[in-house]
Protein backbone atom coordinates (compact mmCIF):
# COMPACT_ATOMS: atom_id res chain seq x y z
CA MET A 1 147.51 -86.43 205.44
CA ASP A 2 144.25 -88.41 205.56
CA ASP A 3 141.68 -89.07 208.45
CA ILE A 4 143.32 -92.36 208.72
CA GLN A 5 146.80 -91.19 209.36
CA LYS A 6 144.83 -88.13 211.53
CA HIS A 7 143.65 -90.85 213.89
CA VAL A 8 146.81 -92.59 214.50
CA LEU A 9 148.78 -89.40 214.92
CA ALA A 10 146.00 -88.62 217.69
CA GLU A 11 145.95 -92.03 219.32
CA ARG A 12 150.04 -91.61 219.65
CA ALA A 13 149.63 -88.27 221.08
CA LEU A 14 147.31 -89.46 223.49
CA ALA A 15 149.47 -91.86 224.85
CA VAL A 16 151.77 -89.85 225.16
CA ALA A 17 150.24 -87.60 226.98
CA ARG A 18 148.94 -90.16 229.50
CA HIS A 19 152.86 -91.24 229.93
CA CYS A 20 153.72 -87.59 230.38
CA ILE A 21 150.98 -87.05 233.20
CA ALA A 22 151.73 -89.84 235.28
CA SER A 23 155.35 -89.36 234.92
CA ARG A 24 156.11 -85.84 235.08
CA TYR A 25 152.85 -84.67 237.01
CA ALA A 26 152.46 -87.93 239.34
CA GLY A 27 149.74 -86.39 242.14
CA ALA A 28 147.68 -84.46 239.91
CA SER A 29 144.18 -84.19 240.38
CA PHE A 30 143.15 -84.69 236.35
CA ALA A 31 144.56 -82.84 233.18
CA TYR A 32 143.14 -81.99 229.90
CA ILE A 33 144.40 -83.02 227.11
CA ALA A 34 144.17 -80.62 224.21
CA GLY A 35 145.44 -79.07 220.45
CA SER A 36 144.98 -79.72 216.97
CA ILE A 37 146.32 -83.05 216.96
CA MET A 38 143.28 -84.02 219.55
CA ARG A 39 141.05 -82.33 217.05
CA GLY A 40 141.73 -84.20 214.50
CA GLU A 41 143.38 -81.18 212.49
CA GLY A 42 147.20 -81.94 213.31
CA THR A 43 150.18 -82.57 211.60
CA VAL A 44 153.50 -84.07 212.86
CA LEU A 45 154.77 -80.78 213.63
CA SER A 46 151.62 -79.83 216.22
CA ASP A 47 152.43 -79.76 219.87
CA ILE A 48 150.03 -81.12 222.69
CA ASP A 49 148.30 -78.96 225.00
CA LEU A 50 148.26 -79.93 228.69
CA VAL A 51 146.06 -78.40 231.49
CA VAL A 52 147.30 -80.11 234.63
CA LEU A 53 145.40 -79.45 237.91
CA PHE A 54 146.75 -80.17 240.96
CA PRO A 55 144.53 -79.82 244.22
CA SER A 56 146.90 -76.75 245.93
CA LEU A 57 150.02 -75.14 244.43
CA GLU A 58 152.20 -72.23 245.79
CA ARG A 59 152.31 -70.85 241.97
CA ALA A 60 150.79 -71.82 238.46
CA TRP A 61 153.59 -72.09 235.61
CA ARG A 62 153.84 -73.09 232.04
CA GLU A 63 156.90 -75.09 230.88
CA SER A 64 157.42 -76.67 227.21
CA PHE A 65 159.26 -79.93 226.53
CA THR A 66 159.59 -82.87 224.14
CA GLU A 67 158.16 -86.15 224.54
CA ASP A 68 158.62 -89.13 222.40
CA GLY A 69 159.11 -86.85 219.15
CA PHE A 70 155.80 -84.65 220.41
CA PRO A 71 156.48 -80.75 221.34
CA ILE A 72 154.46 -80.14 224.47
CA GLU A 73 153.37 -77.11 226.38
CA ALA A 74 151.98 -77.56 229.63
CA PHE A 75 149.93 -75.36 231.67
CA VAL A 76 150.32 -76.31 235.18
CA HIS A 77 147.35 -74.98 237.75
CA ASP A 78 145.40 -75.41 240.89
CA PRO A 79 141.70 -74.80 240.75
CA GLN A 80 142.02 -70.94 242.14
CA THR A 81 144.78 -70.16 239.23
CA LEU A 82 142.95 -71.58 236.41
CA ALA A 83 139.70 -69.98 237.60
CA HIS A 84 142.22 -66.69 237.69
CA TYR A 85 143.12 -67.17 234.05
CA LEU A 86 139.64 -68.20 232.87
CA HIS A 87 138.30 -64.82 234.14
CA GLN A 88 141.51 -63.31 232.49
CA ASP A 89 140.09 -64.65 229.02
CA ALA A 90 136.76 -63.50 229.38
CA ASP A 91 138.09 -59.89 230.38
CA SER A 92 140.67 -59.75 227.36
CA GLY A 93 138.51 -61.31 224.75
CA TYR A 94 140.79 -64.21 223.81
CA PRO A 95 139.86 -67.61 224.91
CA ILE A 96 143.08 -69.31 225.21
CA MET A 97 142.77 -71.48 228.25
CA ALA A 98 138.83 -71.54 227.81
CA ASN A 99 139.53 -73.17 224.54
CA MET A 100 142.16 -75.81 225.67
CA VAL A 101 139.58 -76.66 228.98
CA ALA A 102 136.23 -76.79 226.95
CA THR A 103 137.91 -78.88 224.34
CA GLY A 104 140.39 -81.15 226.12
CA CYS A 105 140.19 -84.90 226.47
CA ILE A 106 139.79 -85.43 230.39
CA MET A 107 142.38 -88.16 232.14
CA GLY A 108 142.87 -88.45 235.84
CA SER A 109 141.38 -89.46 239.33
CA ASP A 110 138.84 -86.48 239.69
CA ILE A 111 136.81 -86.48 236.59
CA ASP A 112 133.72 -85.18 238.14
CA SER A 113 135.66 -81.69 239.01
CA ALA A 114 137.33 -81.81 235.89
CA ARG A 115 133.31 -82.03 233.84
CA VAL A 116 132.73 -78.73 236.05
CA ILE A 117 135.26 -76.69 235.25
CA GLN A 118 134.77 -78.21 231.76
CA ALA A 119 131.65 -76.80 231.65
CA LYS A 120 131.83 -73.55 232.94
CA ALA A 121 134.46 -73.23 230.24
CA ALA A 122 132.21 -74.34 227.40
CA THR A 123 129.40 -71.79 228.79
CA MET A 124 131.54 -69.01 228.94
CA LEU A 125 132.76 -69.63 225.39
CA ALA A 126 129.33 -69.77 224.16
CA ALA A 127 128.33 -66.89 225.85
CA GLY A 128 130.99 -64.88 223.94
CA PRO A 129 133.42 -62.09 224.97
CA LYS A 130 132.35 -59.01 226.96
CA PRO A 131 130.82 -56.06 224.88
CA PRO A 132 134.11 -53.88 223.87
CA ALA A 133 134.18 -51.08 226.23
CA GLY A 134 136.54 -48.93 228.42
CA ALA A 135 139.86 -48.04 228.60
CA ASP A 136 140.88 -51.20 226.50
CA TYR A 137 138.50 -50.38 223.59
CA ASP A 138 139.75 -46.86 223.60
CA MET A 139 143.18 -48.52 223.42
CA LEU A 140 142.45 -50.63 220.58
CA ARG A 141 140.68 -48.13 218.74
CA TYR A 142 143.36 -45.31 219.22
CA GLN A 143 145.97 -48.07 218.06
CA VAL A 144 143.92 -48.92 215.20
CA THR A 145 143.83 -44.69 214.29
CA ASP A 146 147.19 -44.38 214.90
CA LEU A 147 148.55 -47.47 212.40
CA ALA A 148 145.69 -46.22 209.82
CA ASP A 149 147.20 -43.19 209.81
CA ASP A 150 150.71 -44.05 209.19
CA LEU A 151 149.49 -45.72 205.95
CA ARG A 152 148.46 -42.48 204.57
CA GLY A 153 150.16 -41.01 202.03
CA ALA A 154 153.55 -42.07 200.12
CA ARG A 155 155.76 -44.61 202.11
CA PRO A 156 158.60 -46.58 200.96
CA PRO A 157 156.90 -50.28 200.57
CA GLU A 158 158.91 -52.13 203.22
CA GLU A 159 157.70 -49.40 205.46
CA VAL A 160 154.03 -50.23 204.26
CA ALA A 161 154.70 -53.85 204.79
CA ALA A 162 156.16 -53.10 208.45
CA ILE A 163 152.72 -50.77 209.47
CA ALA A 164 150.81 -53.52 207.97
CA ALA A 165 151.87 -55.95 209.99
CA LEU A 166 151.35 -54.34 212.87
CA LEU A 167 148.02 -53.22 212.04
CA TYR A 168 146.76 -56.88 211.44
CA GLN A 169 146.24 -58.24 214.84
CA LYS A 170 144.92 -54.87 215.99
CA LEU A 171 142.25 -54.58 213.46
CA ALA A 172 141.46 -58.13 213.51
CA ASP A 173 140.40 -57.91 217.05
CA LEU A 174 138.41 -54.90 216.42
CA ILE A 175 136.65 -56.51 213.51
CA LEU A 176 136.05 -59.56 215.99
CA LEU A 177 135.16 -58.39 219.20
CA GLY A 178 133.39 -55.49 217.75
CA ARG A 179 130.82 -57.91 216.31
CA GLY A 180 130.49 -59.73 219.53
CA VAL A 181 132.86 -62.92 219.16
CA TRP A 182 136.20 -63.81 220.25
CA THR A 183 139.37 -62.92 218.98
CA GLY A 184 142.59 -65.15 218.68
CA ARG A 185 146.18 -64.31 217.88
CA GLY A 186 148.47 -65.55 215.48
CA LYS A 187 146.93 -68.46 213.25
CA TRP A 188 143.70 -67.94 215.24
CA ALA A 189 142.90 -64.57 213.59
CA PRO A 190 142.10 -65.67 210.26
CA ARG A 191 140.43 -68.87 211.11
CA LEU A 192 138.19 -66.99 213.43
CA MET A 193 137.39 -64.38 210.79
CA LYS A 194 136.69 -67.05 208.29
CA LYS A 195 134.27 -68.38 210.54
CA LEU A 196 132.40 -65.14 211.00
CA ASP A 197 132.09 -63.84 207.51
CA ALA A 198 134.02 -65.66 204.69
CA GLN A 199 133.84 -62.97 202.66
CA LEU A 200 134.81 -60.32 204.99
CA ALA A 201 137.91 -62.73 205.79
CA ALA A 202 138.88 -62.97 202.27
CA GLU A 203 138.43 -59.14 201.84
CA PHE A 204 140.85 -58.29 204.93
CA ASP A 205 143.31 -61.28 203.53
CA ALA A 206 143.59 -59.53 199.92
CA ALA A 207 143.90 -56.16 201.39
CA PHE A 208 146.60 -57.48 203.59
CA ARG A 209 148.49 -59.41 200.98
CA LEU A 210 148.71 -55.95 199.29
CA ALA A 211 149.98 -54.04 202.16
CA ALA A 212 152.69 -56.60 202.89
CA ALA A 213 153.88 -55.96 199.15
CA GLY A 214 153.76 -52.52 199.89
CA ASP A 215 150.30 -51.36 198.46
CA GLY A 216 148.53 -50.12 201.59
CA VAL A 217 145.34 -48.58 200.27
CA ARG A 218 142.82 -51.04 200.50
CA PHE A 219 143.94 -52.11 203.92
CA LEU A 220 144.05 -48.55 204.82
CA ALA A 221 140.27 -48.11 203.63
CA LEU A 222 139.21 -51.66 205.46
CA ALA A 223 140.60 -49.69 208.56
CA ASP A 224 138.95 -46.57 208.02
CA ARG A 225 135.57 -48.39 207.31
CA GLU A 226 135.52 -50.56 210.14
CA LEU A 227 136.40 -47.42 212.61
CA ALA A 228 133.88 -46.04 211.42
CA LEU A 229 131.54 -48.63 212.92
CA HIS A 230 132.99 -47.56 216.62
CA GLY A 231 132.54 -43.63 215.91
CA GLY A 232 135.20 -43.17 213.42
CA ARG A 233 138.87 -42.24 214.03
CA TYR A 234 140.04 -42.08 217.72
CA PHE A 235 142.88 -39.70 218.27
CA GLU A 236 141.46 -36.31 219.59
CA GLY A 237 140.95 -36.70 223.18
CA PHE A 238 142.46 -39.86 223.98
CA LYS A 239 144.30 -40.03 227.61
CA GLN A 240 146.25 -43.06 229.25
CA ASP A 241 147.27 -42.31 232.83
CA ALA A 242 150.53 -43.86 234.03
CA PRO A 243 150.43 -46.07 236.74
CA LEU A 244 151.21 -44.51 240.32
CA GLU A 245 153.96 -46.67 241.04
CA ALA A 246 155.75 -45.58 237.71
CA ARG A 247 158.49 -43.63 239.08
CA HIS A 248 162.26 -43.99 239.62
CA LEU A 249 163.14 -43.19 242.85
CA GLY A 250 167.21 -42.09 243.49
C-alpha cells in the first residue's frame, strides 16, 4: 500500500469514526481517534481505536464492533475512569491507554479539556516508566529465571518452542523496562526493542526463531545475560503472599 492509498484509508477511517461517535456515543464530550490507520501505518485489516469521554458514567467499558467494514475497539470513560487507567499504565509499564490518548485525533465539543488530558498523557509518555522495583519487579525476575531454567538441559523441540513462547514477553519486558523505556505486548514488543537497540532486537529475534524451531541455546544465553544485569538468577528467597481473601469457606 503506497502513501496515497494509506492517506485515503485514513480519511475513510476518520469519516467512519466521526459517524460512529455521533450515532453511537451521542452526549460524549469528546473522543480520541487513534490506531495504526490514523498514523498512516495501517492496512485494510487494521482497526480503529476510539477513546470516548462522557462527563460522568456509572462505570467505564470497552466494546468491539464493525462499522462500514472497519473493526472498531472503543474505550468509553469519564475523566475519573480515564485517569485511573492512565495511572495504571504508568504503574504497569504498558502505556496502552496513554498512547491512544497522546496520539489520537481529537473530536467533539469540549476540545480544550481533551487537549489538557492529551498533554498530560504525552508528558507521561515522555517521562518514561517508573524504574523497576518492588513486588512486580521481583515477580518478573523470578518468571524469567523460572522459564530460562526450563530451557536448560535436553528437551524435545516442541517443549523448547512452548517455553520460548512464554519467555518471549517476560524477557522483552525485562529488557525494555530494565533500560528505562516503556514495554508493550504482542507486536509492540519487537517494535519497541528495535527502536531501543536495533542490534539487540535482531539478536533477540534470531535467538527466538531458533528456540521456536527447537534450539533454545541462544535464547537461554540471552536470558542469562539479561538476568545478570538485574542481580542474576532470582529463585532463592522469592516469596509471594496470597491475598487475605484467598480462602474458601464452607
